[in-house]
Amino acid sequence: TKLRLKVPEIEEKDNSVLVIIKHEKLASPEE
C-alpha cells in the first residue's frame, strides 16, 4: 500500500495456498 501497489491476492486451492503479488508490468521491451 505504501508503494501504491495492489495488495496481494490469496487463493486457497485443493491442496495449497497461492499468494499473488501483483506489481507494475515488468514487461521486456521485446515483448
Full PDB file with SEQRES, HELIX, SHEET, SSBOND, CRYST1, ORIGX, SCALE, CONECT and MASTER records, all heavy atoms in Angstrom:
SEQRES   1 A   31  THR LYS LEU ARG LEU LYS VAL PRO GLU ILE GLU GLU LYS          
SEQRES   2 A   31  ASP ASN SER VAL LEU VAL ILE ILE LYS HIS GLU LYS LEU          
SEQRES   3 A   31  ALA SER PRO GLU GLU                                          
SHEET    1 AA1 2 GLU A   9  GLU A  12  0                                        
SHEET    2 AA1 2 VAL A  17  ILE A  20 -1                                        
CRYST1    1.000    1.000    1.000  90.00  90.00  90.00 P 1           1          
ORIGX1      1.000000  0.000000  0.000000        0.00000                         
ORIGX2      0.000000  1.000000  0.000000        0.00000                         
ORIGX3      0.000000  0.000000  1.000000        0.00000                         
SCALE1      1.000000  0.000000  0.000000        0.00000                         
SCALE2      0.000000  1.000000  0.000000        0.00000                         
SCALE3      0.000000  0.000000  1.000000        0.00000                         
ATOM      1  N   THR A   1       0.834  -1.204   0.000  1.00  0.00           N  
ATOM      2  CA  THR A   1       0.000   0.000   0.000  1.00  0.00           C  
ATOM      3  C   THR A   1       0.869   1.255   0.000  1.00  0.00           C  
ATOM      4  O   THR A   1       0.561   2.245  -0.676  1.00  0.00           O  
ATOM      5  CB  THR A   1      -0.929   0.004   1.229  1.00  0.00           C  
ATOM      6  OG1 THR A   1      -1.738  -1.175   1.203  1.00  0.00           O  
ATOM      7  CG2 THR A   1      -1.831   1.224   1.232  1.00  0.00           C  
ATOM      8  N   LYS A   2       1.960   1.246   0.754  1.00  0.00           N  
ATOM      9  CA  LYS A   2       2.853   2.411   0.821  1.00  0.00           C  
ATOM     10  C   LYS A   2       3.452   2.741  -0.538  1.00  0.00           C  
ATOM     11  O   LYS A   2       3.757   3.901  -0.831  1.00  0.00           O  
ATOM     12  CB  LYS A   2       3.959   2.153   1.839  1.00  0.00           C  
ATOM     13  CG  LYS A   2       3.479   2.223   3.282  1.00  0.00           C  
ATOM     14  CD  LYS A   2       4.597   1.873   4.256  1.00  0.00           C  
ATOM     15  CE  LYS A   2       4.081   1.867   5.689  1.00  0.00           C  
ATOM     16  NZ  LYS A   2       5.136   1.438   6.655  1.00  0.00           N  
ATOM     17  N   LEU A   3       3.653   1.727  -1.364  1.00  0.00           N  
ATOM     18  CA  LEU A   3       4.189   1.959  -2.709  1.00  0.00           C  
ATOM     19  C   LEU A   3       3.077   2.136  -3.736  1.00  0.00           C  
ATOM     20  O   LEU A   3       3.320   2.137  -4.937  1.00  0.00           O  
ATOM     21  CB  LEU A   3       5.091   0.784  -3.133  1.00  0.00           C  
ATOM     22  CG  LEU A   3       6.488   0.749  -2.510  1.00  0.00           C  
ATOM     23  CD1 LEU A   3       7.283  -0.405  -3.069  1.00  0.00           C  
ATOM     24  CD2 LEU A   3       7.231   2.057  -2.755  1.00  0.00           C  
ATOM     25  N   ARG A   4       1.839   2.257  -3.255  1.00  0.00           N  
ATOM     26  CA  ARG A   4       0.671   2.445  -4.123  1.00  0.00           C  
ATOM     27  C   ARG A   4       0.535   1.284  -5.117  1.00  0.00           C  
ATOM     28  O   ARG A   4       0.228   1.481  -6.287  1.00  0.00           O  
ATOM     29  CB  ARG A   4       0.743   3.792  -4.843  1.00  0.00           C  
ATOM     30  CG  ARG A   4       0.839   4.980  -3.887  1.00  0.00           C  
ATOM     31  CD  ARG A   4       0.857   6.312  -4.622  1.00  0.00           C  
ATOM     32  NE  ARG A   4      -0.381   6.530  -5.349  1.00  0.00           N  
ATOM     33  CZ  ARG A   4      -1.497   6.988  -4.807  1.00  0.00           C  
ATOM     34  NH1 ARG A   4      -1.534   7.245  -3.506  1.00  0.00           N  
ATOM     35  NH2 ARG A   4      -2.578   7.179  -5.528  1.00  0.00           N  
ATOM     36  N   LEU A   5       0.781   0.099  -4.605  1.00  0.00           N  
ATOM     37  CA  LEU A   5       0.594  -1.120  -5.389  1.00  0.00           C  
ATOM     38  C   LEU A   5      -0.585  -1.893  -4.798  1.00  0.00           C  
ATOM     39  O   LEU A   5      -0.918  -1.732  -3.629  1.00  0.00           O  
ATOM     40  CB  LEU A   5       1.852  -1.993  -5.346  1.00  0.00           C  
ATOM     41  CG  LEU A   5       3.112  -1.391  -5.960  1.00  0.00           C  
ATOM     42  CD1 LEU A   5       4.310  -2.285  -5.660  1.00  0.00           C  
ATOM     43  CD2 LEU A   5       2.954  -1.210  -7.462  1.00  0.00           C  
ATOM     44  N   LYS A   6      -1.185  -2.721  -5.605  1.00  0.00           N  
ATOM     45  CA  LYS A   6      -2.303  -3.529  -5.118  1.00  0.00           C  
ATOM     46  C   LYS A   6      -1.818  -4.507  -4.059  1.00  0.00           C  
ATOM     47  O   LYS A   6      -0.725  -5.054  -4.158  1.00  0.00           O  
ATOM     48  CB  LYS A   6      -2.946  -4.305  -6.276  1.00  0.00           C  
ATOM     49  CG  LYS A   6      -3.713  -3.425  -7.249  1.00  0.00           C  
ATOM     50  CD  LYS A   6      -4.394  -4.273  -8.313  1.00  0.00           C  
ATOM     51  CE  LYS A   6      -5.203  -3.398  -9.255  1.00  0.00           C  
ATOM     52  NZ  LYS A   6      -5.870  -4.212 -10.317  1.00  0.00           N  
ATOM     53  N   VAL A   7      -2.671  -4.739  -3.045  1.00  0.00           N  
ATOM     54  CA  VAL A   7      -2.297  -5.695  -2.011  1.00  0.00           C  
ATOM     55  C   VAL A   7      -2.322  -7.098  -2.602  1.00  0.00           C  
ATOM     56  O   VAL A   7      -3.008  -7.366  -3.592  1.00  0.00           O  
ATOM     57  CB  VAL A   7      -3.252  -5.608  -0.793  1.00  0.00           C  
ATOM     58  CG1 VAL A   7      -3.164  -4.249  -0.144  1.00  0.00           C  
ATOM     59  CG2 VAL A   7      -4.684  -5.942  -1.189  1.00  0.00           C  
ATOM     60  N   PRO A   8      -1.569  -8.027  -2.016  1.00  0.00           N  
ATOM     61  CA  PRO A   8      -1.533  -9.404  -2.538  1.00  0.00           C  
ATOM     62  C   PRO A   8      -2.913 -10.057  -2.521  1.00  0.00           C  
ATOM     63  O   PRO A   8      -3.771  -9.736  -1.690  1.00  0.00           O  
ATOM     64  CB  PRO A   8      -0.578 -10.117  -1.573  1.00  0.00           C  
ATOM     65  CG  PRO A   8       0.279  -9.023  -1.015  1.00  0.00           C  
ATOM     66  CD  PRO A   8      -0.616  -7.830  -0.903  1.00  0.00           C  
ATOM     67  N   GLU A   9      -3.099 -10.964  -3.455  1.00  0.00           N  
ATOM     68  CA  GLU A   9      -4.330 -11.762  -3.505  1.00  0.00           C  
ATOM     69  C   GLU A   9      -4.015 -13.157  -2.968  1.00  0.00           C  
ATOM     70  O   GLU A   9      -2.940 -13.693  -3.216  1.00  0.00           O  
ATOM     71  CB  GLU A   9      -4.857 -11.864  -4.935  1.00  0.00           C  
ATOM     72  CG  GLU A   9      -5.257 -10.535  -5.544  1.00  0.00           C  
ATOM     73  CD  GLU A   9      -5.686 -10.678  -6.996  1.00  0.00           C  
ATOM     74  OE1 GLU A   9      -5.723 -11.835  -7.489  1.00  0.00           O  
ATOM     75  OE2 GLU A   9      -5.951  -9.643  -7.646  1.00  0.00           O  
ATOM     76  N   ILE A  10      -4.980 -13.733  -2.244  1.00  0.00           N  
ATOM     77  CA  ILE A  10      -4.784 -15.061  -1.662  1.00  0.00           C  
ATOM     78  C   ILE A  10      -5.846 -16.000  -2.207  1.00  0.00           C  
ATOM     79  O   ILE A  10      -7.033 -15.699  -2.168  1.00  0.00           O  
ATOM     80  CB  ILE A  10      -4.857 -14.999  -0.123  1.00  0.00           C  
ATOM     81  CG1 ILE A  10      -3.735 -14.101   0.413  1.00  0.00           C  
ATOM     82  CG2 ILE A  10      -4.752 -16.398   0.481  1.00  0.00           C  
ATOM     83  CD1 ILE A  10      -3.808 -13.836   1.893  1.00  0.00           C  
ATOM     84  N   GLU A  11      -5.410 -17.129  -2.727  1.00  0.00           N  
ATOM     85  CA  GLU A  11      -6.328 -18.154  -3.232  1.00  0.00           C  
ATOM     86  C   GLU A  11      -6.053 -19.465  -2.511  1.00  0.00           C  
ATOM     87  O   GLU A  11      -4.893 -19.839  -2.326  1.00  0.00           O  
ATOM     88  CB  GLU A  11      -6.143 -18.372  -4.744  1.00  0.00           C  
ATOM     89  CG  GLU A  11      -6.487 -17.170  -5.604  1.00  0.00           C  
ATOM     90  CD  GLU A  11      -6.283 -17.454  -7.079  1.00  0.00           C  
ATOM     91  OE1 GLU A  11      -6.025 -18.639  -7.430  1.00  0.00           O  
ATOM     92  OE2 GLU A  11      -6.357 -16.504  -7.882  1.00  0.00           O  
ATOM     93  N   GLU A  12      -7.122 -20.143  -2.097  1.00  0.00           N  
ATOM     94  CA  GLU A  12      -6.967 -21.466  -1.500  1.00  0.00           C  
ATOM     95  C   GLU A  12      -7.358 -22.502  -2.531  1.00  0.00           C  
ATOM     96  O   GLU A  12      -8.490 -22.538  -3.003  1.00  0.00           O  
ATOM     97  CB  GLU A  12      -7.828 -21.599  -0.240  1.00  0.00           C  
ATOM     98  CG  GLU A  12      -7.549 -22.888   0.526  1.00  0.00           C  
ATOM     99  CD  GLU A  12      -8.259 -22.937   1.863  1.00  0.00           C  
ATOM    100  OE1 GLU A  12      -9.282 -22.253   2.017  1.00  0.00           O  
ATOM    101  OE2 GLU A  12      -7.793 -23.663   2.747  1.00  0.00           O  
ATOM    102  N   LYS A  13      -6.402 -23.333  -2.912  1.00  0.00           N  
ATOM    103  CA  LYS A  13      -6.640 -24.391  -3.890  1.00  0.00           C  
ATOM    104  C   LYS A  13      -6.903 -25.705  -3.160  1.00  0.00           C  
ATOM    105  O   LYS A  13      -6.992 -25.735  -1.932  1.00  0.00           O  
ATOM    106  CB  LYS A  13      -5.449 -24.480  -4.832  1.00  0.00           C  
ATOM    107  CG  LYS A  13      -5.132 -23.122  -5.494  1.00  0.00           C  
ATOM    108  CD  LYS A  13      -3.856 -23.148  -6.284  1.00  0.00           C  
ATOM    109  CE  LYS A  13      -4.064 -23.718  -7.666  1.00  0.00           C  
ATOM    110  NZ  LYS A  13      -2.869 -23.593  -8.523  1.00  0.00           N  
ATOM    111  N   ASP A  14      -7.021 -26.803  -3.897  1.00  0.00           N  
ATOM    112  CA  ASP A  14      -7.352 -28.088  -3.278  1.00  0.00           C  
ATOM    113  C   ASP A  14      -6.344 -28.514  -2.228  1.00  0.00           C  
ATOM    114  O   ASP A  14      -6.708 -29.014  -1.171  1.00  0.00           O  
ATOM    115  CB  ASP A  14      -7.471 -29.184  -4.354  1.00  0.00           C  
ATOM    116  CG  ASP A  14      -8.737 -29.034  -5.178  1.00  0.00           C  
ATOM    117  OD1 ASP A  14      -9.648 -28.301  -4.738  1.00  0.00           O  
ATOM    118  OD2 ASP A  14      -8.809 -29.646  -6.257  1.00  0.00           O  
ATOM    119  N   ASN A  15      -5.052 -28.328  -2.529  1.00  0.00           N  
ATOM    120  CA  ASN A  15      -4.012 -28.789  -1.607  1.00  0.00           C  
ATOM    121  C   ASN A  15      -2.903 -27.762  -1.398  1.00  0.00           C  
ATOM    122  O   ASN A  15      -1.787 -28.124  -1.040  1.00  0.00           O  
ATOM    123  CB  ASN A  15      -3.392 -30.102  -2.116  1.00  0.00           C  
ATOM    124  CG  ASN A  15      -4.338 -31.274  -1.996  1.00  0.00           C  
ATOM    125  OD1 ASN A  15      -4.755 -31.630  -0.904  1.00  0.00           O  
ATOM    126  ND2 ASN A  15      -4.687 -31.872  -3.123  1.00  0.00           N  
ATOM    127  N   SER A  16      -3.213 -26.500  -1.620  1.00  0.00           N  
ATOM    128  CA  SER A  16      -2.186 -25.476  -1.463  1.00  0.00           C  
ATOM    129  C   SER A  16      -2.814 -24.107  -1.273  1.00  0.00           C  
ATOM    130  O   SER A  16      -4.009 -23.912  -1.497  1.00  0.00           O  
ATOM    131  CB  SER A  16      -1.254 -25.458  -2.689  1.00  0.00           C  
ATOM    132  OG  SER A  16      -1.972 -25.076  -3.851  1.00  0.00           O  
ATOM    133  N   VAL A  17      -1.978 -23.162  -0.861  1.00  0.00           N  
ATOM    134  CA  VAL A  17      -2.379 -21.759  -0.756  1.00  0.00           C  
ATOM    135  C   VAL A  17      -1.492 -20.962  -1.702  1.00  0.00           C  
ATOM    136  O   VAL A  17      -0.262 -21.087  -1.677  1.00  0.00           O  
ATOM    137  CB  VAL A  17      -2.226 -21.235   0.690  1.00  0.00           C  
ATOM    138  CG1 VAL A  17      -2.524 -19.743   0.738  1.00  0.00           C  
ATOM    139  CG2 VAL A  17      -3.150 -21.984   1.635  1.00  0.00           C  
ATOM    140  N   LEU A  18      -2.132 -20.162  -2.537  1.00  0.00           N  
ATOM    141  CA  LEU A  18      -1.415 -19.374  -3.530  1.00  0.00           C  
ATOM    142  C   LEU A  18      -1.550 -17.889  -3.188  1.00  0.00           C  
ATOM    143  O   LEU A  18      -2.655 -17.387  -3.023  1.00  0.00           O  
ATOM    144  CB  LEU A  18      -1.987 -19.638  -4.928  1.00  0.00           C  
ATOM    145  CG  LEU A  18      -1.421 -18.812  -6.076  1.00  0.00           C  
ATOM    146  CD1 LEU A  18       0.048 -19.148  -6.302  1.00  0.00           C  
ATOM    147  CD2 LEU A  18      -2.222 -19.034  -7.357  1.00  0.00           C  
ATOM    148  N   VAL A  19      -0.407 -17.206  -3.055  1.00  0.00           N  
ATOM    149  CA  VAL A  19      -0.399 -15.761  -2.839  1.00  0.00           C  
ATOM    150  C   VAL A  19       0.126 -15.100  -4.115  1.00  0.00           C  
ATOM    151  O   VAL A  19       1.217 -15.435  -4.596  1.00  0.00           O  
ATOM    152  CB  VAL A  19       0.488 -15.371  -1.642  1.00  0.00           C  
ATOM    153  CG1 VAL A  19       0.437 -13.857  -1.432  1.00  0.00           C  
ATOM    154  CG2 VAL A  19       0.034 -16.085  -0.378  1.00  0.00           C  
ATOM    155  N   ILE A  20      -0.664 -14.187  -4.671  1.00  0.00           N  
ATOM    156  CA  ILE A  20      -0.298 -13.498  -5.912  1.00  0.00           C  
ATOM    157  C   ILE A  20       0.041 -12.050  -5.578  1.00  0.00           C  
ATOM    158  O   ILE A  20      -0.794 -11.311  -5.066  1.00  0.00           O  
ATOM    159  CB  ILE A  20      -1.452 -13.555  -6.931  1.00  0.00           C  
ATOM    160  CG1 ILE A  20      -1.857 -15.011  -7.195  1.00  0.00           C  
ATOM    161  CG2 ILE A  20      -1.045 -12.872  -8.231  1.00  0.00           C  
ATOM    162  CD1 ILE A  20      -3.113 -15.152  -8.020  1.00  0.00           C  
ATOM    163  N   ILE A  21       1.284 -11.674  -5.848  1.00  0.00           N  
ATOM    164  CA  ILE A  21       1.756 -10.318  -5.560  1.00  0.00           C  
ATOM    165  C   ILE A  21       1.856  -9.586  -6.894  1.00  0.00           C  
ATOM    166  O   ILE A  21       2.795  -9.805  -7.669  1.00  0.00           O  
ATOM    167  CB  ILE A  21       3.128 -10.348  -4.873  1.00  0.00           C  
ATOM    168  CG1 ILE A  21       3.144 -11.374  -3.740  1.00  0.00           C  
ATOM    169  CG2 ILE A  21       3.486  -8.970  -4.332  1.00  0.00           C  
ATOM    170  CD1 ILE A  21       4.540 -11.735  -3.270  1.00  0.00           C  
ATOM    171  N   LYS A  22       0.889  -8.743  -7.172  1.00  0.00           N  
ATOM    172  CA  LYS A  22       0.882  -8.024  -8.447  1.00  0.00           C  
ATOM    173  C   LYS A  22       1.668  -6.725  -8.313  1.00  0.00           C  
ATOM    174  O   LYS A  22       1.726  -6.115  -7.253  1.00  0.00           O  
ATOM    175  CB  LYS A  22      -0.547  -7.731  -8.877  1.00  0.00           C  
ATOM    176  CG  LYS A  22      -1.347  -8.983  -9.211  1.00  0.00           C  
ATOM    177  CD  LYS A  22      -2.719  -8.639  -9.725  1.00  0.00           C  
ATOM    178  CE  LYS A  22      -3.480  -9.896 -10.126  1.00  0.00           C  
ATOM    179  NZ  LYS A  22      -4.844  -9.608 -10.620  1.00  0.00           N  
ATOM    180  N   HIS A  23       2.278  -6.313  -9.431  1.00  0.00           N  
ATOM    181  CA  HIS A  23       3.033  -5.062  -9.441  1.00  0.00           C  
ATOM    182  C   HIS A  23       2.953  -4.473 -10.833  1.00  0.00           C  
ATOM    183  O   HIS A  23       2.330  -5.042 -11.724  1.00  0.00           O  
ATOM    184  CB  HIS A  23       4.480  -5.287  -9.018  1.00  0.00           C  
ATOM    185  CG  HIS A  23       5.109  -6.512  -9.629  1.00  0.00           C  
ATOM    186  ND1 HIS A  23       5.398  -6.617 -10.960  1.00  0.00           N  
ATOM    187  CD2 HIS A  23       5.465  -7.693  -9.072  1.00  0.00           C  
ATOM    188  CE1 HIS A  23       5.927  -7.799 -11.207  1.00  0.00           C  
ATOM    189  NE2 HIS A  23       5.980  -8.485 -10.075  1.00  0.00           N  
ATOM    190  N   GLU A  24       3.569  -3.316 -11.024  1.00  0.00           N  
ATOM    191  CA  GLU A  24       3.585  -2.724 -12.356  1.00  0.00           C  
ATOM    192  C   GLU A  24       4.193  -3.715 -13.339  1.00  0.00           C  
ATOM    193  O   GLU A  24       5.110  -4.456 -12.991  1.00  0.00           O  
ATOM    194  CB  GLU A  24       4.392  -1.423 -12.345  1.00  0.00           C  
ATOM    195  CG  GLU A  24       3.724  -0.320 -11.538  1.00  0.00           C  
ATOM    196  CD  GLU A  24       4.513   0.974 -11.581  1.00  0.00           C  
ATOM    197  OE1 GLU A  24       5.531   1.008 -12.323  1.00  0.00           O  
ATOM    198  OE2 GLU A  24       4.138   1.909 -10.886  1.00  0.00           O  
ATOM    199  N   LYS A  25       3.682  -3.684 -14.507  1.00  0.00           N  
ATOM    200  CA  LYS A  25       4.077  -4.678 -15.502  1.00  0.00           C  
ATOM    201  C   LYS A  25       5.584  -4.686 -15.720  1.00  0.00           C  
ATOM    202  O   LYS A  25       6.183  -3.685 -16.080  1.00  0.00           O  
ATOM    203  CB  LYS A  25       3.379  -4.384 -16.825  1.00  0.00           C  
ATOM    204  CG  LYS A  25       3.673  -5.381 -17.929  1.00  0.00           C  
ATOM    205  CD  LYS A  25       2.898  -4.991 -19.168  1.00  0.00           C  
ATOM    206  CE  LYS A  25       3.292  -5.863 -20.347  1.00  0.00           C  
ATOM    207  NZ  LYS A  25       2.906  -7.251 -20.206  1.00  0.00           N  
ATOM    208  N   LEU A  26       6.197  -5.835 -15.460  1.00  0.00           N  
ATOM    209  CA  LEU A  26       7.641  -5.974 -15.692  1.00  0.00           C  
ATOM    210  C   LEU A  26       7.867  -6.473 -17.115  1.00  0.00           C  
ATOM    211  O   LEU A  26       8.411  -7.533 -17.348  1.00  0.00           O  
ATOM    212  CB  LEU A  26       8.247  -6.974 -14.699  1.00  0.00           C  
ATOM    213  CG  LEU A  26       8.028  -6.668 -13.217  1.00  0.00           C  
ATOM    214  CD1 LEU A  26       8.682  -7.720 -12.365  1.00  0.00           C  
ATOM    215  CD2 LEU A  26       8.588  -5.306 -12.884  1.00  0.00           C  
ATOM    216  N   ALA A  27       7.411  -5.664 -18.080  1.00  0.00           N  
ATOM    217  CA  ALA A  27       7.446  -6.122 -19.461  1.00  0.00           C  
ATOM    218  C   ALA A  27       8.828  -5.937 -20.064  1.00  0.00           C  
ATOM    219  O   ALA A  27       9.473  -4.914 -19.877  1.00  0.00           O  
ATOM    220  CB  ALA A  27       6.422  -5.365 -20.296  1.00  0.00           C  
ATOM    221  N   SER A  28       9.266  -6.911 -20.814  1.00  0.00           N  
ATOM    222  CA  SER A  28      10.517  -6.775 -21.556  1.00  0.00           C  
ATOM    223  C   SER A  28      10.239  -5.895 -22.773  1.00  0.00           C  
ATOM    224  O   SER A  28       9.146  -5.950 -23.353  1.00  0.00           O  
ATOM    225  CB  SER A  28      11.020  -8.141 -22.005  1.00  0.00           C  
ATOM    226  OG  SER A  28      10.095  -8.719 -22.899  1.00  0.00           O  
ATOM    227  N   PRO A  29      11.189  -5.047 -23.176  1.00  0.00           N  
ATOM    228  CA  PRO A  29      10.982  -4.199 -24.361  1.00  0.00           C  
ATOM    229  C   PRO A  29      10.618  -5.024 -25.595  1.00  0.00           C  
ATOM    230  O   PRO A  29       9.766  -4.626 -26.391  1.00  0.00           O  
ATOM    231  CB  PRO A  29      12.343  -3.510 -24.545  1.00  0.00           C  
ATOM    232  CG  PRO A  29      12.953  -3.523 -23.183  1.00  0.00           C  
ATOM    233  CD  PRO A  29      12.483  -4.803 -22.541  1.00  0.00           C  
ATOM    234  N   GLU A  30      11.252  -6.173 -25.744  1.00  0.00           N  
ATOM    235  CA  GLU A  30      10.984  -7.004 -26.918  1.00  0.00           C  
ATOM    236  C   GLU A  30       9.512  -7.404 -26.991  1.00  0.00           C  
ATOM    237  O   GLU A  30       8.892  -7.398 -28.055  1.00  0.00           O  
ATOM    238  CB  GLU A  30      11.856  -8.267 -26.877  1.00  0.00           C  
ATOM    239  CG  GLU A  30      13.347  -8.001 -26.994  1.00  0.00           C  
ATOM    240  CD  GLU A  30      14.012  -7.794 -25.640  1.00  0.00           C  
ATOM    241  OE1 GLU A  30      13.272  -7.546 -24.663  1.00  0.00           O  
ATOM    242  OE2 GLU A  30      15.247  -7.866 -25.566  1.00  0.00           O  
ATOM    243  N   GLU A  31       8.944  -7.772 -25.833  1.00  0.00           N  
ATOM    244  CA  GLU A  31       7.559  -8.249 -25.818  1.00  0.00           C  
ATOM    245  C   GLU A  31       6.596  -7.153 -26.262  1.00  0.00           C  
ATOM    246  O   GLU A  31       5.667  -7.389 -27.025  1.00  0.00           O  
ATOM    247  CB  GLU A  31       7.196  -8.734 -24.416  1.00  0.00           C  
ATOM    248  CG  GLU A  31       5.809  -9.366 -24.344  1.00  0.00           C  
ATOM    249  CD  GLU A  31       5.476  -9.892 -22.966  1.00  0.00           C  
ATOM    250  OE1 GLU A  31       6.233  -9.609 -22.021  1.00  0.00           O  
ATOM    251  OE2 GLU A  31       4.449 -10.582 -22.842  1.00  0.00           O  
TER     252      GLU A  31                                                      
MASTER        0    0    0    0    2    0    0    6  251    1    0    3          
END                                                                             
